[in-house]
C-alpha cells in the first residue's frame, strides 16, 4: 500500500478582508414615516459614528427651516429625525457637504 499524505485546506473566506471592496460600502438610509393626517417624519440613519450628529442636525434644521432631534436606537444606533418630507433635501445636503457620496445614499418610501 502507498501512503498518501493529503492535506485538507482550511476554510478560506474570500470576503474576510473586504472592508474597502466596492460591494462592502455602508449606506446612508433616508426614510419617511407617515404620522397622522398629512404629517410626516424623515429619518436619516447610517452616517459614520465619528460625525457629530448634533452639529449635522443643527445645520439641517437651519437650512430646511424644520424641527428635528437625534434619537438613540438599540439596533440602529443614532438616528436623525426631521419634521416633514425632507428626503431629497437631506440627500442633496449630504452630497453637497461631503458627508456621503451620491451612490451611498438610499432613499426609501412612497
PDB file of N, CA and C in Angstrom:
ATOM      1  N   UNK A   1       0.825  -1.182   0.000  1.00  0.00           N
ATOM      2  CA  UNK A   1       0.000   0.000   0.000  1.00  0.00           C
ATOM      3  C   UNK A   1       0.869   1.244   0.000  1.00  0.00           C
ATOM      4  N   UNK A   2       0.356   2.238  -0.648  1.00  0.00           N
ATOM      5  CA  UNK A   2       1.069   3.508  -0.733  1.00  0.00           C
ATOM      6  C   UNK A   2       0.456   4.466   0.276  1.00  0.00           C
ATOM      7  N   UNK A   3       1.322   5.105   1.004  1.00  0.00           N
ATOM      8  CA  UNK A   3       0.852   6.098   1.982  1.00  0.00           C
ATOM      9  C   UNK A   3       0.767   7.467   1.307  1.00  0.00           C
ATOM     10  N   UNK A   4      -0.409   8.002   1.163  1.00  0.00           N
ATOM     11  CA  UNK A   4      -0.586   9.329   0.571  1.00  0.00           C
ATOM     12  C   UNK A   4      -0.874  10.338   1.668  1.00  0.00           C
ATOM     13  N   UNK A   5      -0.146  11.399   1.611  1.00  0.00           N
ATOM     14  CA  UNK A   5      -0.408  12.472   2.565  1.00  0.00           C
ATOM     15  C   UNK A   5      -1.301  13.504   1.889  1.00  0.00           C
ATOM     16  N   UNK A   6      -2.485  13.574   2.346  1.00  0.00           N
ATOM     17  CA  UNK A   6      -3.440  14.507   1.780  1.00  0.00           C
ATOM     18  C   UNK A   6      -3.739  15.572   2.831  1.00  0.00           C
ATOM     19  N   UNK A   7      -3.563  16.815   2.433  1.00  0.00           N
ATOM     20  CA  UNK A   7      -3.881  17.911   3.345  1.00  0.00           C
ATOM     21  C   UNK A   7      -5.199  18.539   2.918  1.00  0.00           C
ATOM     22  N   UNK A   8      -6.074  18.624   3.842  1.00  0.00           N
ATOM     23  CA  UNK A   8      -7.352  19.280   3.570  1.00  0.00           C
ATOM     24  C   UNK A   8      -7.158  20.767   3.850  1.00  0.00           C
ATOM     25  N   UNK A   9      -7.442  21.598   2.862  1.00  0.00           N
ATOM     26  CA  UNK A   9      -7.233  23.027   3.080  1.00  0.00           C
ATOM     27  C   UNK A   9      -8.189  23.572   4.138  1.00  0.00           C
ATOM     28  N   UNK A  10      -7.692  24.522   4.884  1.00  0.00           N
ATOM     29  CA  UNK A  10      -8.540  25.135   5.899  1.00  0.00           C
ATOM     30  C   UNK A  10      -9.566  26.030   5.230  1.00  0.00           C
ATOM     31  N   UNK A  11     -10.567  26.359   5.959  1.00  0.00           N
ATOM     32  CA  UNK A  11     -11.640  27.190   5.407  1.00  0.00           C
ATOM     33  C   UNK A  11     -11.087  28.554   5.023  1.00  0.00           C
ATOM     34  N   UNK A  12     -11.289  28.917   3.783  1.00  0.00           N
ATOM     35  CA  UNK A  12     -10.816  30.196   3.272  1.00  0.00           C
ATOM     36  C   UNK A  12     -12.013  31.103   3.044  1.00  0.00           C
ATOM     37  N   UNK A  13     -11.979  32.255   3.651  1.00  0.00           N
ATOM     38  CA  UNK A  13     -13.061  33.225   3.489  1.00  0.00           C
ATOM     39  C   UNK A  13     -12.596  34.317   2.546  1.00  0.00           C
ATOM     40  N   UNK A  14     -13.098  34.341   1.303  1.00  0.00           N
ATOM     41  CA  UNK A  14     -12.638  35.339   0.344  1.00  0.00           C
ATOM     42  C   UNK A  14     -13.099  36.758   0.681  1.00  0.00           C
ATOM     43  N   UNK A  15     -14.077  36.883   1.575  1.00  0.00           N
ATOM     44  CA  UNK A  15     -14.593  38.207   1.913  1.00  0.00           C
ATOM     45  C   UNK A  15     -14.093  38.707   3.263  1.00  0.00           C
ATOM     46  N   UNK A  16     -13.102  38.039   3.832  1.00  0.00           N
ATOM     47  CA  UNK A  16     -12.646  38.430   5.159  1.00  0.00           C
ATOM     48  C   UNK A  16     -11.990  39.810   5.173  1.00  0.00           C
ATOM     49  N   UNK A  17     -11.302  40.184   4.119  1.00  0.00           N
ATOM     50  CA  UNK A  17     -10.652  41.495   4.084  1.00  0.00           C
ATOM     51  C   UNK A  17     -11.353  42.432   3.101  1.00  0.00           C
ATOM     52  N   UNK A  18     -12.652  42.323   2.999  1.00  0.00           N
ATOM     53  CA  UNK A  18     -13.403  43.110   2.024  1.00  0.00           C
ATOM     54  C   UNK A  18     -13.953  44.395   2.624  1.00  0.00           C
ATOM     55  N   UNK A  19     -13.217  45.027   3.518  1.00  0.00           N
ATOM     56  CA  UNK A  19     -13.675  46.267   4.135  1.00  0.00           C
ATOM     57  C   UNK A  19     -13.805  47.384   3.104  1.00  0.00           C
ATOM     58  N   UNK A  20     -12.820  47.506   2.203  1.00  0.00           N
ATOM     59  CA  UNK A  20     -12.814  48.591   1.237  1.00  0.00           C
ATOM     60  C   UNK A  20     -13.248  48.143  -0.148  1.00  0.00           C
ATOM     61  N   UNK A  21     -13.807  46.960  -0.244  1.00  0.00           N
ATOM     62  CA  UNK A  21     -14.252  46.468  -1.543  1.00  0.00           C
ATOM     63  C   UNK A  21     -15.485  47.239  -1.990  1.00  0.00           C
ATOM     64  N   UNK A  22     -15.743  47.316  -3.296  1.00  0.00           N
ATOM     65  CA  UNK A  22     -16.883  48.086  -3.780  1.00  0.00           C
ATOM     66  C   UNK A  22     -18.225  47.612  -3.253  1.00  0.00           C
ATOM     67  N   UNK A  23     -18.382  46.343  -2.995  1.00  0.00           N
ATOM     68  CA  UNK A  23     -19.665  45.845  -2.514  1.00  0.00           C
ATOM     69  C   UNK A  23     -19.853  45.978  -1.022  1.00  0.00           C
ATOM     70  N   UNK A  24     -18.841  46.423  -0.297  1.00  0.00           N
ATOM     71  CA  UNK A  24     -18.910  46.471   1.155  1.00  0.00           C
ATOM     72  C   UNK A  24     -19.106  47.877   1.695  1.00  0.00           C
ATOM     73  N   UNK A  25     -19.672  48.769   0.903  1.00  0.00           N
ATOM     74  CA  UNK A  25     -19.829  50.132   1.386  1.00  0.00           C
ATOM     75  C   UNK A  25     -21.039  50.234   2.296  1.00  0.00           C
ATOM     76  N   UNK A  26     -20.969  51.177   3.198  1.00  0.00           N
ATOM     77  CA  UNK A  26     -22.060  51.397   4.110  1.00  0.00           C
ATOM     78  C   UNK A  26     -22.980  52.458   3.529  1.00  0.00           C
ATOM     79  N   UNK A  27     -24.259  52.193   3.593  1.00  0.00           N
ATOM     80  CA  UNK A  27     -25.237  53.091   3.009  1.00  0.00           C
ATOM     81  C   UNK A  27     -25.815  54.023   4.062  1.00  0.00           C
ATOM     82  N   UNK A  28     -26.218  55.195   3.613  1.00  0.00           N
ATOM     83  CA  UNK A  28     -26.982  56.124   4.428  1.00  0.00           C
ATOM     84  C   UNK A  28     -28.435  55.979   3.986  1.00  0.00           C
ATOM     85  N   UNK A  29     -29.298  55.587   4.913  1.00  0.00           N
ATOM     86  CA  UNK A  29     -30.699  55.345   4.595  1.00  0.00           C
ATOM     87  C   UNK A  29     -31.532  56.549   5.019  1.00  0.00           C
ATOM     88  N   UNK A  30     -32.294  57.081   4.058  1.00  0.00           N
ATOM     89  CA  UNK A  30     -33.190  58.197   4.327  1.00  0.00           C
ATOM     90  C   UNK A  30     -34.605  57.684   4.115  1.00  0.00           C
ATOM     91  N   UNK A  31     -35.396  57.706   5.190  1.00  0.00           N
ATOM     92  CA  UNK A  31     -36.745  57.146   5.136  1.00  0.00           C
ATOM     93  C   UNK A  31     -37.773  58.191   5.545  1.00  0.00           C
ATOM     94  N   UNK A  32     -39.005  57.920   5.161  1.00  0.00           N
ATOM     95  CA  UNK A  32     -40.126  58.767   5.588  1.00  0.00           C
ATOM     96  C   UNK A  32     -41.108  57.893   6.341  1.00  0.00           C
ATOM     97  N   UNK A  33     -41.628  58.430   7.434  1.00  0.00           N
ATOM     98  CA  UNK A  33     -42.644  57.730   8.215  1.00  0.00           C
ATOM     99  C   UNK A  33     -43.878  58.613   8.265  1.00  0.00           C
ATOM    100  N   UNK A  34     -45.017  58.035   7.957  1.00  0.00           N
ATOM    101  CA  UNK A  34     -46.266  58.777   7.986  1.00  0.00           C
ATOM    102  C   UNK A  34     -46.759  58.865   9.420  1.00  0.00           C
ATOM    103  N   UNK A  35     -47.072  60.062   9.846  1.00  0.00           N
ATOM    104  CA  UNK A  35     -47.680  60.251  11.166  1.00  0.00           C
ATOM    105  C   UNK A  35     -49.175  60.331  10.985  1.00  0.00           C
ATOM    106  N   UNK A  36     -49.830  61.276  11.620  1.00  0.00           N
ATOM    107  CA  UNK A  36     -51.280  61.386  11.470  1.00  0.00           C
ATOM    108  C   UNK A  36     -51.629  62.439  10.417  1.00  0.00           C
ATOM    109  N   UNK A  37     -52.596  62.113   9.564  1.00  0.00           N
ATOM    110  CA  UNK A  37     -53.015  63.049   8.530  1.00  0.00           C
ATOM    111  C   UNK A  37     -51.931  63.270   7.492  1.00  0.00           C
ATOM    112  N   UNK A  38     -51.628  64.537   7.231  1.00  0.00           N
ATOM    113  CA  UNK A  38     -50.590  64.872   6.250  1.00  0.00           C
ATOM    114  C   UNK A  38     -49.207  64.968   6.878  1.00  0.00           C
ATOM    115  N   UNK A  39     -49.113  64.808   8.169  1.00  0.00           N
ATOM    116  CA  UNK A  39     -47.834  64.971   8.867  1.00  0.00           C
ATOM    117  C   UNK A  39     -46.914  63.780   8.586  1.00  0.00           C
ATOM    118  N   UNK A  40     -45.633  64.081   8.399  1.00  0.00           N
ATOM    119  CA  UNK A  40     -44.669  63.003   8.151  1.00  0.00           C
ATOM    120  C   UNK A  40     -43.365  63.296   8.879  1.00  0.00           C
ATOM    121  N   UNK A  41     -42.518  62.288   8.946  1.00  0.00           N
ATOM    122  CA  UNK A  41     -41.259  62.354   9.671  1.00  0.00           C
ATOM    123  C   UNK A  41     -40.180  61.756   8.795  1.00  0.00           C
ATOM    124  N   UNK A  42     -39.063  62.454   8.616  1.00  0.00           N
ATOM    125  CA  UNK A  42     -37.941  61.958   7.825  1.00  0.00           C
ATOM    126  C   UNK A  42     -36.859  61.471   8.773  1.00  0.00           C
ATOM    127  N   UNK A  43     -36.354  60.254   8.557  1.00  0.00           N
ATOM    128  CA  UNK A  43     -35.290  59.712   9.391  1.00  0.00           C
ATOM    129  C   UNK A  43     -34.047  59.470   8.548  1.00  0.00           C
ATOM    130  N   UNK A  44     -32.888  59.751   9.139  1.00  0.00           N
ATOM    131  CA  UNK A  44     -31.598  59.560   8.483  1.00  0.00           C
ATOM    132  C   UNK A  44     -30.777  58.647   9.379  1.00  0.00           C
ATOM    133  N   UNK A  45     -30.331  57.519   8.833  1.00  0.00           N
ATOM    134  CA  UNK A  45     -29.505  56.595   9.607  1.00  0.00           C
ATOM    135  C   UNK A  45     -28.359  56.092   8.747  1.00  0.00           C
ATOM    136  N   UNK A  46     -27.302  55.647   9.397  1.00  0.00           N
ATOM    137  CA  UNK A  46     -26.182  55.062   8.678  1.00  0.00           C
ATOM    138  C   UNK A  46     -25.013  56.001   8.478  1.00  0.00           C
ATOM    139  N   UNK A  47     -25.064  57.197   9.048  1.00  0.00           N
ATOM    140  CA  UNK A  47     -23.912  58.082   8.960  1.00  0.00           C
ATOM    141  C   UNK A  47     -22.783  57.519   9.819  1.00  0.00           C
ATOM    142  N   UNK A  48     -21.580  57.902   9.523  1.00  0.00           N
ATOM    143  CA  UNK A  48     -20.441  57.383  10.285  1.00  0.00           C
ATOM    144  C   UNK A  48     -20.524  57.814  11.743  1.00  0.00           C
ATOM    145  N   UNK A  49     -20.018  56.970  12.613  1.00  0.00           N
ATOM    146  CA  UNK A  49     -20.109  57.220  14.042  1.00  0.00           C
ATOM    147  C   UNK A  49     -19.229  58.383  14.492  1.00  0.00           C
ATOM    148  N   UNK A  50     -18.178  58.683  13.751  1.00  0.00           N
ATOM    149  CA  UNK A  50     -17.281  59.762  14.174  1.00  0.00           C
ATOM    150  C   UNK A  50     -17.828  61.153  13.885  1.00  0.00           C
ATOM    151  N   UNK A  51     -18.926  61.238  13.129  1.00  0.00           N
ATOM    152  CA  UNK A  51     -19.552  62.534  12.858  1.00  0.00           C
ATOM    153  C   UNK A  51     -20.339  63.002  14.077  1.00  0.00           C
ATOM    154  N   UNK A  52     -20.417  64.304  14.245  1.00  0.00           N
ATOM    155  CA  UNK A  52     -21.212  64.876  15.316  1.00  0.00           C
ATOM    156  C   UNK A  52     -22.653  65.029  14.815  1.00  0.00           C
ATOM    157  N   UNK A  53     -23.521  64.174  15.277  1.00  0.00           N
ATOM    158  CA  UNK A  53     -24.904  64.176  14.816  1.00  0.00           C
ATOM    159  C   UNK A  53     -25.610  65.467  15.210  1.00  0.00           C
ATOM    160  N   UNK A  54     -25.264  66.018  16.364  1.00  0.00           N
ATOM    161  CA  UNK A  54     -25.904  67.249  16.822  1.00  0.00           C
ATOM    162  C   UNK A  54     -25.572  68.417  15.899  1.00  0.00           C
ATOM    163  N   UNK A  55     -24.329  68.508  15.434  1.00  0.00           N
ATOM    164  CA  UNK A  55     -23.945  69.595  14.523  1.00  0.00           C
ATOM    165  C   UNK A  55     -24.602  69.428  13.156  1.00  0.00           C
ATOM    166  N   UNK A  56     -24.682  68.193  12.682  1.00  0.00           N
ATOM    167  CA  UNK A  56     -25.356  67.934  11.405  1.00  0.00           C
ATOM    168  C   UNK A  56     -26.828  68.309  11.526  1.00  0.00           C
ATOM    169  N   UNK A  57     -27.457  67.927  12.642  1.00  0.00           N
ATOM    170  CA  UNK A  57     -28.860  68.254  12.865  1.00  0.00           C
ATOM    171  C   UNK A  57     -29.077  69.758  12.917  1.00  0.00           C
ATOM    172  N   UNK A  58     -28.170  70.453  13.575  1.00  0.00           N
ATOM    173  CA  UNK A  58     -28.290  71.914  13.684  1.00  0.00           C
ATOM    174  C   UNK A  58     -28.267  72.559  12.299  1.00  0.00           C
ATOM    175  N   UNK A  59     -27.362  72.101  11.432  1.00  0.00           N
ATOM    176  CA  UNK A  59     -27.289  72.649  10.075  1.00  0.00           C
ATOM    177  C   UNK A  59     -28.521  72.277   9.253  1.00  0.00           C
ATOM    178  N   UNK A  60     -28.987  71.040   9.387  1.00  0.00           N
ATOM    179  CA  UNK A  60     -30.179  70.614   8.648  1.00  0.00           C
ATOM    180  C   UNK A  60     -31.403  71.441   9.053  1.00  0.00           C
ATOM    181  N   UNK A  61     -31.566  71.662  10.353  1.00  0.00           N
ATOM    182  CA  UNK A  61     -32.696  72.443  10.831  1.00  0.00           C
ATOM    183  C   UNK A  61     -32.635  73.876  10.335  1.00  0.00           C
ATOM    184  N   UNK A  62     -31.426  74.428  10.292  1.00  0.00           N
ATOM    185  CA  UNK A  62     -31.269  75.817   9.864  1.00  0.00           C
ATOM    186  C   UNK A  62     -31.529  75.963   8.364  1.00  0.00           C
ATOM    187  N   UNK A  63     -31.019  75.023   7.562  1.00  0.00           N
ATOM    188  CA  UNK A  63     -31.157  75.116   6.107  1.00  0.00           C
ATOM    189  C   UNK A  63     -32.591  74.851   5.666  1.00  0.00           C
ATOM    190  N   UNK A  64     -33.264  73.850   6.264  1.00  0.00           N
ATOM    191  CA  UNK A  64     -34.587  73.442   5.799  1.00  0.00           C
ATOM    192  C   UNK A  64     -35.741  74.041   6.602  1.00  0.00           C
ATOM    193  N   UNK A  65     -35.437  74.861   7.596  1.00  0.00           N
ATOM    194  CA  UNK A  65     -36.465  75.523   8.409  1.00  0.00           C
ATOM    195  C   UNK A  65     -37.469  74.507   8.975  1.00  0.00           C
ATOM    196  N   UNK A  66     -36.944  73.486   9.625  1.00  0.00           N
ATOM    197  CA  UNK A  66     -37.818  72.482  10.225  1.00  0.00           C
ATOM    198  C   UNK A  66     -37.232  72.093  11.587  1.00  0.00           C
ATOM    199  N   UNK A  67     -38.011  71.420  12.377  1.00  0.00           N
ATOM    200  CA  UNK A  67     -37.552  70.963  13.671  1.00  0.00           C
ATOM    201  C   UNK A  67     -37.066  69.521  13.556  1.00  0.00           C
ATOM    202  N   UNK A  68     -36.268  69.071  14.512  1.00  0.00           N
ATOM    203  CA  UNK A  68     -35.773  67.705  14.495  1.00  0.00           C
ATOM    204  C   UNK A  68     -35.034  67.363  15.760  1.00  0.00           C
ATOM    205  N   UNK A  69     -34.639  66.102  15.884  1.00  0.00           N
ATOM    206  CA  UNK A  69     -33.858  65.665  17.034  1.00  0.00           C
ATOM    207  C   UNK A  69     -33.061  64.423  16.678  1.00  0.00           C
ATOM    208  N   UNK A  70     -32.153  64.059  17.571  1.00  0.00           N
ATOM    209  CA  UNK A  70     -31.337  62.852  17.414  1.00  0.00           C
ATOM    210  C   UNK A  70     -31.843  61.830  18.417  1.00  0.00           C
ATOM    211  N   UNK A  71     -32.172  60.629  17.918  1.00  0.00           N
ATOM    212  CA  UNK A  71     -32.713  59.564  18.755  1.00  0.00           C
ATOM    213  C   UNK A  71     -31.699  58.424  18.810  1.00  0.00           C
ATOM    214  N   UNK A  72     -31.456  57.884  20.004  1.00  0.00           N
ATOM    215  CA  UNK A  72     -30.569  56.731  20.168  1.00  0.00           C
ATOM    216  C   UNK A  72     -31.403  55.463  20.102  1.00  0.00           C
ATOM    217  N   UNK A  73     -31.141  54.607  19.098  1.00  0.00           N
ATOM    218  CA  UNK A  73     -31.866  53.353  18.925  1.00  0.00           C
ATOM    219  C   UNK A  73     -30.946  52.194  19.283  1.00  0.00           C
ATOM    220  N   UNK A  74     -31.509  51.133  19.849  1.00  0.00           N
ATOM    221  CA  UNK A  74     -30.701  49.975  20.253  1.00  0.00           C
ATOM    222  C   UNK A  74     -30.046  49.303  19.051  1.00  0.00           C
ATOM    223  N   UNK A  75     -30.827  49.042  18.011  1.00  0.00           N
ATOM    224  CA  UNK A  75     -30.328  48.303  16.846  1.00  0.00           C
ATOM    225  C   UNK A  75     -29.639  49.199  15.831  1.00  0.00           C
ATOM    226  N   UNK A  76     -30.189  50.387  15.604  1.00  0.00           N
ATOM    227  CA  UNK A  76     -29.712  51.234  14.512  1.00  0.00           C
ATOM    228  C   UNK A  76     -28.683  52.274  14.938  1.00  0.00           C
ATOM    229  N   UNK A  77     -28.475  52.454  16.220  1.00  0.00           N
ATOM    230  CA  UNK A  77     -27.557  53.486  16.676  1.00  0.00           C
ATOM    231  C   UNK A  77     -28.256  54.833  16.699  1.00  0.00           C
ATOM    232  N   UNK A  78     -27.518  55.892  16.373  1.00  0.00           N
ATOM    233  CA  UNK A  78     -28.105  57.228  16.369  1.00  0.00           C
ATOM    234  C   UNK A  78     -28.860  57.461  15.061  1.00  0.00           C
ATOM    235  N   UNK A  79     -30.051  58.028  15.182  1.00  0.00           N
ATOM    236  CA  UNK A  79     -30.897  58.312  14.034  1.00  0.00           C
ATOM    237  C   UNK A  79     -31.325  59.771  14.114  1.00  0.00           C
ATOM    238  N   UNK A  80     -31.203  60.498  13.005  1.00  0.00           N
ATOM    239  CA  UNK A  80     -31.658  61.881  12.938  1.00  0.00           C
ATOM    240  C   UNK A  80     -33.096  61.883  12.453  1.00  0.00           C
ATOM    241  N   UNK A  81     -33.966  62.604  13.160  1.00  0.00           N
ATOM    242  CA  UNK A  81     -35.363  62.727  12.771  1.00  0.00           C
ATOM    243  C   UNK A  81     -35.651  64.187  12.442  1.00  0.00           C
ATOM    244  N   UNK A  82     -36.329  64.414  11.322  1.00  0.00           N
ATOM    245  CA  UNK A  82     -36.716  65.757  10.898  1.00  0.00           C
ATOM    246  C   UNK A  82     -38.210  65.786  10.615  1.00  0.00           C
ATOM    247  N   UNK A  83     -38.828  66.932  10.859  1.00  0.00           N
ATOM    248  CA  UNK A  83     -40.246  67.072  10.558  1.00  0.00           C
ATOM    249  C   UNK A  83     -40.443  67.288   9.074  1.00  0.00           C
ATOM    250  N   UNK A  84     -41.474  66.679   8.525  1.00  0.00           N
ATOM    251  CA  UNK A  84     -41.825  66.871   7.134  1.00  0.00           C
ATOM    252  C   UNK A  84     -41.086  65.919   6.204  1.00  0.00           C
ATOM    253  N   UNK A  85     -41.431  66.004   4.929  1.00  0.00           N
ATOM    254  CA  UNK A  85     -40.794  65.168   3.906  1.00  0.00           C
ATOM    255  C   UNK A  85     -39.548  65.893   3.398  1.00  0.00           C
ATOM    256  N   UNK A  86     -38.393  65.557   3.955  1.00  0.00           N
ATOM    257  CA  UNK A  86     -37.127  66.212   3.619  1.00  0.00           C
ATOM    258  C   UNK A  86     -36.158  65.248   2.935  1.00  0.00           C
ATOM    259  N   UNK A  87     -36.658  64.180   2.328  1.00  0.00           N
ATOM    260  CA  UNK A  87     -35.776  63.130   1.789  1.00  0.00           C
ATOM    261  C   UNK A  87     -34.825  63.662   0.733  1.00  0.00           C
ATOM    262  N   UNK A  88     -35.343  64.315  -0.284  1.00  0.00           N
ATOM    263  CA  UNK A  88     -34.479  64.810  -1.366  1.00  0.00           C
ATOM    264  C   UNK A  88     -33.573  65.931  -0.883  1.00  0.00           C
ATOM    265  N   UNK A  89     -34.099  66.779   0.000  1.00  0.00           N
ATOM    266  CA  UNK A  89     -33.289  67.866   0.541  1.00  0.00           C
ATOM    267  C   UNK A  89     -32.101  67.339   1.339  1.00  0.00           C
ATOM    268  N   UNK A  90     -32.348  66.346   2.180  1.00  0.00           N
ATOM    269  CA  UNK A  90     -31.285  65.781   3.005  1.00  0.00           C
ATOM    270  C   UNK A  90     -30.241  65.088   2.128  1.00  0.00           C
ATOM    271  N   UNK A  91     -30.693  64.342   1.121  1.00  0.00           N
ATOM    272  CA  UNK A  91     -29.753  63.658   0.227  1.00  0.00           C
ATOM    273  C   UNK A  91     -28.860  64.667  -0.485  1.00  0.00           C
ATOM    274  N   UNK A  92     -29.453  65.733  -0.995  1.00  0.00           N
ATOM    275  CA  UNK A  92     -28.676  66.769  -1.682  1.00  0.00           C
ATOM    276  C   UNK A  92     -27.708  67.448  -0.713  1.00  0.00           C
ATOM    277  N   UNK A  93     -28.155  67.704   0.515  1.00  0.00           N
ATOM    278  CA  UNK A  93     -27.310  68.342   1.527  1.00  0.00           C
ATOM    279  C   UNK A  93     -26.103  67.476   1.873  1.00  0.00           C
ATOM    280  N   UNK A  94     -26.330  66.174   2.086  1.00  0.00           N
ATOM    281  CA  UNK A  94     -25.232  65.278   2.465  1.00  0.00           C
ATOM    282  C   UNK A  94     -24.180  65.178   1.360  1.00  0.00           C
ATOM    283  N   UNK A  95     -24.627  65.186   0.107  1.00  0.00           N
ATOM    284  CA  UNK A  95     -23.682  65.126  -1.012  1.00  0.00           C
ATOM    285  C   UNK A  95     -22.934  66.449  -1.138  1.00  0.00           C
ATOM    286  N   UNK A  96     -23.647  67.552  -0.989  1.00  0.00           N
ATOM    287  CA  UNK A  96     -23.052  68.875  -1.149  1.00  0.00           C
ATOM    288  C   UNK A  96     -22.002  69.147  -0.072  1.00  0.00           C
ATOM    289  N   UNK A  97     -22.286  68.748   1.156  1.00  0.00           N
ATOM    290  CA  UNK A  97     -21.367  68.981   2.265  1.00  0.00           C
ATOM    291  C   UNK A  97     -20.210  67.983   2.233  1.00  0.00           C
ATOM    292  N   UNK A  98     -20.425  66.819   1.651  1.00  0.00           N
ATOM    293  CA  UNK A  98     -19.367  65.811   1.564  1.00  0.00           C
ATOM    294  C   UNK A  98     -19.423  64.756   2.642  1.00  0.00           C
ATOM    295  N   UNK A  99     -20.553  64.616   3.307  1.00  0.00           N
ATOM    296  CA  UNK A  99     -20.690  63.589   4.343  1.00  0.00           C
ATOM    297  C   UNK A  99     -20.944  62.210   3.753  1.00  0.00           C
ATOM    298  N   UNK A 100     -21.487  62.169   2.542  1.00  0.00           N
ATOM    299  CA  UNK A 100     -21.758  60.898   1.868  1.00  0.00           C
ATOM    300  C   UNK A 100     -21.708  61.125   0.367  1.00  0.00           C
ATOM    301  N   UNK A 101     -21.366  60.061  -0.362  1.00  0.00           N
ATOM    302  CA  UNK A 101     -21.380  60.128  -1.820  1.00  0.00           C
ATOM    303  C   UNK A 101     -22.781  59.793  -2.317  1.00  0.00           C
ATOM    304  N   UNK A 102     -23.050  60.200  -3.539  1.00  0.00           N
ATOM    305  CA  UNK A 102     -24.395  60.002  -4.093  1.00  0.00           C
ATOM    306  C   UNK A 102     -24.759  58.523  -4.182  1.00  0.00           C
ATOM    307  N   UNK A 103     -23.782  57.668  -4.497  1.00  0.00           N
ATOM    308  CA  UNK A 103     -24.091  56.246  -4.628  1.00  0.00           C
ATOM    309  C   UNK A 103     -24.191  55.532  -3.277  1.00  0.00           C
ATOM    310  N   UNK A 104     -23.888  56.225  -2.181  1.00  0.00           N
ATOM    311  CA  UNK A 104     -24.017  55.641  -0.843  1.00  0.00           C
ATOM    312  C   UNK A 104     -25.367  55.930  -0.214  1.00  0.00           C
ATOM    313  N   UNK A 105     -26.170  56.763  -0.847  1.00  0.00           N
ATOM    314  CA  UNK A 105     -27.438  57.187  -0.257  1.00  0.00           C
ATOM    315  C   UNK A 105     -28.587  56.372  -0.849  1.00  0.00           C
ATOM    316  N   UNK A 106     -29.410  55.826   0.051  1.00  0.00           N
ATOM    317  CA  UNK A 106     -30.608  55.086  -0.342  1.00  0.00           C
ATOM    318  C   UNK A 106     -31.815  55.838   0.198  1.00  0.00           C
ATOM    319  N   UNK A 107     -32.723  56.221  -0.701  1.00  0.00           N
ATOM    320  CA  UNK A 107     -33.943  56.921  -0.295  1.00  0.00           C
ATOM    321  C   UNK A 107     -35.094  55.926  -0.338  1.00  0.00           C
ATOM    322  N   UNK A 108     -35.807  55.788   0.786  1.00  0.00           N
ATOM    323  CA  UNK A 108     -36.908  54.843   0.899  1.00  0.00           C
ATOM    324  C   UNK A 108     -38.222  55.596   1.081  1.00  0.00           C
ATOM    325  N   UNK A 109     -39.309  54.956   0.718  1.00  0.00           N
ATOM    326  CA  UNK A 109     -40.638  55.496   0.973  1.00  0.00           C
ATOM    327  C   UNK A 109     -41.386  55.839  -0.289  1.00  0.00           C
ATOM    328  N   UNK A 110     -42.661  55.895  -0.174  1.00  0.00           N
ATOM    329  CA  UNK A 110     -43.649  56.192  -1.218  1.00  0.00           C
ATOM    330  C   UNK A 110     -43.147  55.782  -2.579  1.00  0.00           C
TER     331      UNK A 110
END
